[in-house]
Amino acid sequence: MGRYILRRLLQLIPVFVGTTFIIYVLVWAVPGNPFAGKCGDRPCPDSYIQQMTEKYNLDDPVIYQYFQYMGNLVTGDFGENYQQIPIAELISDAYPVTIKLALMALIVEAVIGLGAGILTGLRGRGFLDNLVLVSTLLVISLPVFVTGFLLQIWLGVDLGLVSPTVGSNAPLVDFIVPAVTLGSLSMAYVSRLMRTSLRENRRADYMRTAKAKGLTDNRAVGVHLLRNSLIPVVTFLGTDLGSLMGGAIVTEGIFNINGIGGLVFRSITTKDTGTVVAVVTLLVLVYLLMNLLVDVLYAVLDPRIRYD
């Protein structure tokens, strides 16, 4: 296992470099002037543009800028944005908020999605199964921004149960509705995925063998069926954390949450390459580490899986 983890960590290096380089090039390909609006309504003077161009090496080739930026990033220097604000300071203010929101969304989709999937997968067809199928289909059909606005209006404006907007320093309870909004689509997928996996594995040979050896239904389900059925769900949940953090732009905008989503959106529109690459670098690390964690969990859930 140790050799496998070391090999996977080494494989992450080219993936990390290639992904961040593609993001760097794509941000530079966005049309627009990075100095637009920096000097008010008037265009910036040539002396200012020349000074900023030299300071941020904007006249150098993109590949040279990228490796110079990544070299500074390795030493922990995120640099400054075009407003001369340290990028590390922007990230330290926004990242904890989005992490809190994404983790709560992951818990919501895991608890509710797994619960609904296990109930319908074990009980078989019936009223509860049809109810879950119809409700998950409805959730999948609704865009996230529609779900967010409906919950905001019903629970926040009409009933007054929750705050319609959530500040960055709001208590944890105020993040529940945004977390449900952010994780609603994945919650529906988790429920359907768990249900299908249970139905498929319940007819597998190893379940018949376990019962033939004298195991009770509860033990066969708890020891064998649930563990094997969790493998595709764990894969989905593990990779979904990065998706939730990167896809929080709409949810954060609806509930007025100053997190990573809003920071990335503003940075892309202003062509603030350094901020975008710094945030995406952290998101890429989350994706890669979660994929590694999921692979390790495979061996825990299924003893038949072994890594050389």
Protein backbone atom coordinates (compact mmCIF):
# COMPACT_ATOMS: atom_id res chain seq x y z
CA MET A 1 0.00 0.00 0.00
CA GLY A 2 2.82 2.41 0.84
CA ARG A 3 4.50 1.88 -2.54
CA TYR A 4 1.18 2.41 -4.29
CA ILE A 5 0.53 5.69 -2.47
CA LEU A 6 4.08 6.89 -3.28
CA ARG A 7 3.61 5.98 -6.94
CA ARG A 8 0.27 7.80 -7.05
CA LEU A 9 1.80 10.89 -5.44
CA LEU A 10 4.50 10.94 -8.11
CA GLN A 11 1.84 10.59 -10.80
CA LEU A 12 0.07 13.65 -9.42
CA ILE A 13 3.00 15.92 -10.34
CA PRO A 14 2.56 15.93 -14.17
CA VAL A 15 -1.24 16.09 -13.77
CA PHE A 16 -0.89 19.08 -11.46
CA VAL A 17 1.54 20.91 -13.75
CA GLY A 18 -0.51 20.23 -16.88
CA THR A 19 -3.81 21.28 -15.33
CA THR A 20 -2.54 24.52 -13.86
CA PHE A 21 -0.75 25.41 -17.12
CA ILE A 22 -3.95 24.90 -19.13
CA ILE A 23 -5.86 27.12 -16.69
CA TYR A 24 -3.14 29.78 -16.91
CA VAL A 25 -3.29 29.81 -20.72
CA LEU A 26 -7.10 29.84 -20.79
CA VAL A 27 -7.28 32.83 -18.45
CA TRP A 28 -4.89 34.74 -20.67
CA ALA A 29 -7.05 33.86 -23.67
CA VAL A 30 -10.04 35.65 -22.12
CA PRO A 31 -10.53 38.91 -24.06
CA GLY A 32 -10.24 42.16 -22.16
CA ASN A 33 -7.77 44.64 -20.75
CA PRO A 34 -6.37 43.81 -17.29
CA PHE A 35 -5.90 47.55 -16.64
CA ALA A 36 -9.44 48.57 -17.58
CA GLY A 37 -11.08 50.49 -14.76
CA LYS A 38 -7.91 50.68 -12.67
CA CYS A 39 -7.67 54.43 -13.17
CA GLY A 40 -11.35 55.37 -12.92
CA ASP A 41 -13.29 56.47 -15.98
CA ARG A 42 -10.15 57.68 -17.76
CA PRO A 43 -7.71 55.34 -19.49
CA CYS A 44 -4.58 54.60 -17.49
CA PRO A 45 -1.49 56.59 -18.53
CA ASP A 46 1.19 54.83 -20.52
CA SER A 47 3.69 55.20 -17.68
CA TYR A 48 1.39 53.30 -15.30
CA ILE A 49 0.71 50.54 -17.83
CA GLN A 50 4.43 50.17 -18.52
CA GLN A 51 5.22 50.02 -14.80
CA MET A 52 2.56 47.36 -14.14
CA THR A 53 3.59 45.39 -17.23
CA GLU A 54 7.17 45.20 -16.02
CA LYS A 55 6.15 44.43 -12.43
CA TYR A 56 3.95 41.47 -13.40
CA ASN A 57 6.06 40.38 -16.41
CA LEU A 58 3.08 40.76 -18.72
CA ASP A 59 5.26 41.32 -21.79
CA ASP A 60 6.98 37.95 -21.38
CA PRO A 61 5.81 34.75 -23.12
CA VAL A 62 2.97 32.97 -21.34
CA ILE A 63 5.01 29.84 -20.66
CA TYR A 64 7.76 31.91 -19.04
CA GLN A 65 5.18 33.74 -16.90
CA TYR A 66 3.67 30.43 -15.85
CA PHE A 67 6.89 28.81 -14.67
CA GLN A 68 7.99 31.99 -12.94
CA TYR A 69 4.65 32.15 -11.14
CA MET A 70 4.75 28.46 -10.19
CA GLY A 71 8.30 28.87 -8.94
CA ASN A 72 7.13 31.56 -6.55
CA LEU A 73 4.12 29.45 -5.63
CA VAL A 74 6.32 26.52 -4.57
CA THR A 75 7.98 28.79 -2.02
CA GLY A 76 4.57 29.82 -0.66
CA ASP A 77 4.50 33.21 -2.40
CA PHE A 78 1.10 33.70 -4.04
CA GLY A 79 2.04 37.21 -5.13
CA GLU A 80 -0.28 40.20 -5.46
CA ASN A 81 -3.24 40.95 -7.69
CA TYR A 82 -3.43 44.03 -9.90
CA GLN A 83 -4.83 46.04 -6.98
CA GLN A 84 -1.61 45.16 -5.10
CA ILE A 85 -3.53 43.13 -2.52
CA PRO A 86 -1.77 39.93 -1.41
CA ILE A 87 -3.48 36.96 -3.04
CA ALA A 88 -2.83 34.86 0.06
CA GLU A 89 -4.92 37.34 2.04
CA LEU A 90 -7.81 37.08 -0.43
CA ILE A 91 -7.69 33.29 -0.32
CA SER A 92 -7.47 33.16 3.48
CA ASP A 93 -10.65 35.25 3.69
CA ALA A 94 -12.64 33.37 1.03
CA TYR A 95 -11.44 29.76 1.19
CA PRO A 96 -12.64 28.86 4.72
CA VAL A 97 -16.15 30.06 3.83
CA THR A 98 -16.36 27.89 0.72
CA ILE A 99 -14.82 24.90 2.51
CA LYS A 100 -17.46 25.22 5.23
CA LEU A 101 -20.22 25.44 2.61
CA ALA A 102 -18.87 22.54 0.52
CA LEU A 103 -18.35 20.22 3.50
CA MET A 104 -21.87 20.91 4.77
CA ALA A 105 -23.23 20.23 1.28
CA LEU A 106 -21.24 16.98 1.16
CA ILE A 107 -22.66 15.92 4.54
CA VAL A 108 -26.20 16.77 3.41
CA GLU A 109 -25.94 14.77 0.19
CA ALA A 110 -24.22 11.86 1.95
CA VAL A 111 -26.71 11.59 4.82
CA ILE A 112 -29.93 12.22 2.92
CA GLY A 113 -28.82 10.64 -0.36
CA LEU A 114 -27.41 7.50 1.24
CA GLY A 115 -30.39 7.21 3.58
CA ALA A 116 -32.91 7.42 0.76
CA GLY A 117 -30.88 5.10 -1.45
CA ILE A 118 -30.47 2.44 1.25
CA LEU A 119 -34.15 2.52 2.20
CA THR A 120 -35.38 2.16 -1.37
CA GLY A 121 -32.66 -0.31 -2.33
CA LEU A 122 -33.44 -2.69 0.54
CA ARG A 123 -37.23 -2.34 0.69
CA GLY A 124 -37.87 -2.90 -3.01
CA ARG A 125 -40.58 -1.36 -5.10
CA GLY A 126 -43.43 0.42 -3.39
CA PHE A 127 -44.72 3.84 -2.39
CA LEU A 128 -41.43 4.96 -0.79
CA ASP A 129 -39.43 3.85 -3.82
CA ASN A 130 -41.70 5.74 -6.21
CA LEU A 131 -41.63 8.81 -3.95
CA VAL A 132 -37.83 8.90 -3.93
CA LEU A 133 -37.61 8.35 -7.68
CA VAL A 134 -40.07 11.16 -8.44
CA SER A 135 -38.51 13.59 -5.94
CA THR A 136 -34.95 12.95 -7.15
CA LEU A 137 -36.06 13.34 -10.76
CA LEU A 138 -37.61 16.69 -9.83
CA VAL A 139 -34.43 17.83 -8.10
CA ILE A 140 -32.30 16.77 -11.08
CA SER A 141 -34.60 18.65 -13.46
CA LEU A 142 -34.33 21.94 -11.55
CA PRO A 143 -31.24 24.10 -12.09
CA VAL A 144 -29.35 25.01 -8.93
CA PHE A 145 -30.19 28.70 -9.20
CA VAL A 146 -33.93 27.87 -9.35
CA THR A 147 -33.67 25.65 -6.25
CA GLY A 148 -31.71 28.35 -4.44
CA PHE A 149 -34.16 31.13 -5.19
CA LEU A 150 -37.17 28.96 -4.26
CA LEU A 151 -35.65 27.98 -0.90
CA GLN A 152 -34.60 31.56 -0.29
CA ILE A 153 -38.12 32.87 -0.95
CA TRP A 154 -40.06 30.13 0.86
CA LEU A 155 -37.88 29.61 3.93
CA GLY A 156 -36.28 33.03 4.18
CA VAL A 157 -38.77 35.62 2.95
CA ASP A 158 -42.19 33.98 3.41
CA LEU A 159 -41.63 31.86 6.54
CA GLY A 160 -38.70 33.75 8.04
CA LEU A 161 -37.06 30.51 9.19
CA VAL A 162 -33.64 31.31 7.79
CA SER A 163 -31.73 34.38 6.75
CA PRO A 164 -32.32 35.10 3.02
CA THR A 165 -28.68 36.20 2.75
CA VAL A 166 -25.68 34.71 4.54
CA GLY A 167 -22.69 36.79 5.50
CA SER A 168 -19.20 35.37 5.71
CA ASN A 169 -19.24 35.55 9.53
CA ALA A 170 -22.74 34.07 9.87
CA PRO A 171 -23.28 31.19 12.31
CA LEU A 172 -23.08 27.65 11.02
CA VAL A 173 -26.85 27.16 11.06
CA ASP A 174 -27.28 29.86 8.42
CA PHE A 175 -25.25 27.75 5.98
CA ILE A 176 -27.75 24.87 6.06
CA VAL A 177 -30.04 26.18 3.31
CA PRO A 178 -27.15 27.21 0.99
CA ALA A 179 -25.58 23.78 1.64
CA VAL A 180 -28.84 22.03 0.71
CA THR A 181 -29.02 24.16 -2.44
CA LEU A 182 -25.43 23.40 -3.40
CA GLY A 183 -25.70 19.68 -2.70
CA SER A 184 -29.24 19.09 -3.96
CA LEU A 185 -28.25 17.81 -7.41
CA SER A 186 -25.53 15.51 -6.08
CA MET A 187 -27.88 14.32 -3.33
CA ALA A 188 -30.32 13.07 -5.96
CA TYR A 189 -27.53 11.30 -7.87
CA VAL A 190 -26.21 9.66 -4.68
CA SER A 191 -29.67 8.36 -3.84
CA ARG A 192 -30.21 6.83 -7.27
CA LEU A 193 -26.66 5.47 -7.44
CA MET A 194 -26.94 3.78 -4.02
CA ARG A 195 -30.35 2.36 -4.86
CA THR A 196 -29.16 0.87 -8.15
CA SER A 197 -25.96 -0.50 -6.61
CA LEU A 198 -27.87 -2.25 -3.82
CA ARG A 199 -30.39 -3.73 -6.24
CA GLU A 200 -27.60 -5.07 -8.46
CA ASN A 201 -25.40 -6.51 -5.68
CA ARG A 202 -28.33 -8.08 -3.86
CA ARG A 203 -28.59 -10.62 -6.69
CA ALA A 204 -24.84 -11.29 -6.77
CA ASP A 205 -23.37 -14.75 -6.18
CA TYR A 206 -21.54 -13.76 -3.01
CA MET A 207 -24.84 -12.79 -1.34
CA ARG A 208 -26.34 -16.22 -2.08
CA THR A 209 -23.15 -17.86 -0.82
CA ALA A 210 -23.22 -15.81 2.39
CA LYS A 211 -26.79 -16.82 3.13
CA ALA A 212 -26.05 -20.45 2.24
CA LYS A 213 -23.30 -20.44 4.88
CA GLY A 214 -25.84 -19.47 7.51
CA LEU A 215 -25.43 -15.70 7.77
CA THR A 216 -28.55 -13.85 8.79
CA ASP A 217 -30.05 -11.30 6.41
CA ASN A 218 -28.97 -8.38 8.60
CA ARG A 219 -25.37 -9.58 8.81
CA ALA A 220 -25.18 -10.39 5.10
CA VAL A 221 -26.48 -6.93 4.25
CA GLY A 222 -24.32 -5.10 6.79
CA VAL A 223 -21.05 -6.96 6.24
CA HIS A 224 -21.17 -7.70 2.52
CA LEU A 225 -23.94 -5.92 0.62
CA LEU A 226 -23.56 -2.38 1.98
CA ARG A 227 -19.77 -2.33 1.83
CA ASN A 228 -19.60 -3.50 -1.77
CA SER A 229 -22.45 -1.23 -2.82
CA LEU A 230 -20.72 1.82 -1.33
CA ILE A 231 -17.77 1.65 -3.76
CA PRO A 232 -19.38 3.64 -6.64
CA VAL A 233 -20.98 6.04 -4.15
CA VAL A 234 -17.64 6.71 -2.42
CA THR A 235 -16.11 7.40 -5.84
CA PHE A 236 -18.80 9.96 -6.58
CA LEU A 237 -18.63 11.62 -3.15
CA GLY A 238 -14.85 11.78 -3.16
CA THR A 239 -14.62 13.63 -6.46
CA ASP A 240 -17.70 15.71 -5.68
CA LEU A 241 -15.99 17.78 -2.97
CA GLY A 242 -13.86 19.56 -5.55
CA SER A 243 -16.89 20.04 -7.78
CA LEU A 244 -18.86 21.58 -4.94
CA MET A 245 -16.06 24.03 -4.14
CA GLY A 246 -15.59 25.00 -7.77
CA GLY A 247 -19.30 25.12 -8.57
CA ALA A 248 -20.33 27.32 -5.66
CA ILE A 249 -20.38 30.52 -7.75
CA VAL A 250 -24.16 30.48 -8.29
CA THR A 251 -25.02 29.45 -4.73
CA GLU A 252 -22.68 32.03 -3.19
CA GLY A 253 -24.17 34.70 -5.44
CA ILE A 254 -27.75 33.85 -4.45
CA PHE A 255 -27.08 33.90 -0.70
CA ASN A 256 -24.50 36.72 -0.75
CA ILE A 257 -21.66 34.53 0.49
CA ASN A 258 -18.19 35.94 -0.10
CA GLY A 259 -16.35 32.74 -0.93
CA ILE A 260 -14.10 31.26 -3.58
CA GLY A 261 -16.82 31.28 -6.24
CA GLY A 262 -17.23 35.04 -6.21
CA LEU A 263 -13.47 35.56 -5.99
CA VAL A 264 -12.84 33.42 -9.08
CA PHE A 265 -15.65 35.08 -11.04
CA ARG A 266 -14.36 38.59 -10.31
CA SER A 267 -10.78 37.55 -11.08
CA ILE A 268 -11.70 36.04 -14.45
CA THR A 269 -13.67 39.11 -15.54
CA THR A 270 -10.73 41.38 -14.63
CA LYS A 271 -8.14 38.96 -16.10
CA ASP A 272 -6.44 38.71 -12.70
CA THR A 273 -4.44 35.65 -13.73
CA GLY A 274 -2.49 35.26 -10.50
CA THR A 275 -5.61 35.00 -8.34
CA VAL A 276 -7.37 32.59 -10.69
CA VAL A 277 -4.38 30.26 -10.93
CA ALA A 278 -3.82 30.33 -7.16
CA VAL A 279 -7.43 29.39 -6.43
CA VAL A 280 -7.56 26.75 -9.17
CA THR A 281 -4.26 25.30 -7.92
CA LEU A 282 -5.84 24.69 -4.53
CA LEU A 283 -8.93 23.19 -6.18
CA VAL A 284 -6.75 20.87 -8.28
CA LEU A 285 -4.95 19.73 -5.12
CA VAL A 286 -8.30 18.95 -3.51
CA TYR A 287 -9.36 16.91 -6.55
CA LEU A 288 -6.11 14.94 -6.70
CA LEU A 289 -5.92 14.21 -2.97
CA MET A 290 -9.58 13.18 -2.83
CA ASN A 291 -9.04 10.80 -5.76
CA LEU A 292 -6.11 9.26 -3.90
CA LEU A 293 -8.21 8.93 -0.73
CA VAL A 294 -11.00 7.24 -2.69
CA ASP A 295 -8.57 4.67 -4.13
CA VAL A 296 -7.30 3.88 -0.64
CA LEU A 297 -10.87 3.50 0.64
CA TYR A 298 -11.56 0.88 -2.02
CA ALA A 299 -9.29 -1.58 -0.20
CA VAL A 300 -11.02 -0.77 3.09
CA LEU A 301 -14.51 -1.38 1.71
CA ASP A 302 -13.67 -4.44 -0.37
CA PRO A 303 -10.96 -6.79 1.01
CA ARG A 304 -10.64 -8.36 -2.46
CA ILE A 305 -9.00 -5.16 -3.75
CA ARG A 306 -5.26 -5.15 -3.17
CA TYR A 307 -2.58 -2.79 -4.48
CA ASP A 308 0.84 -4.15 -5.35
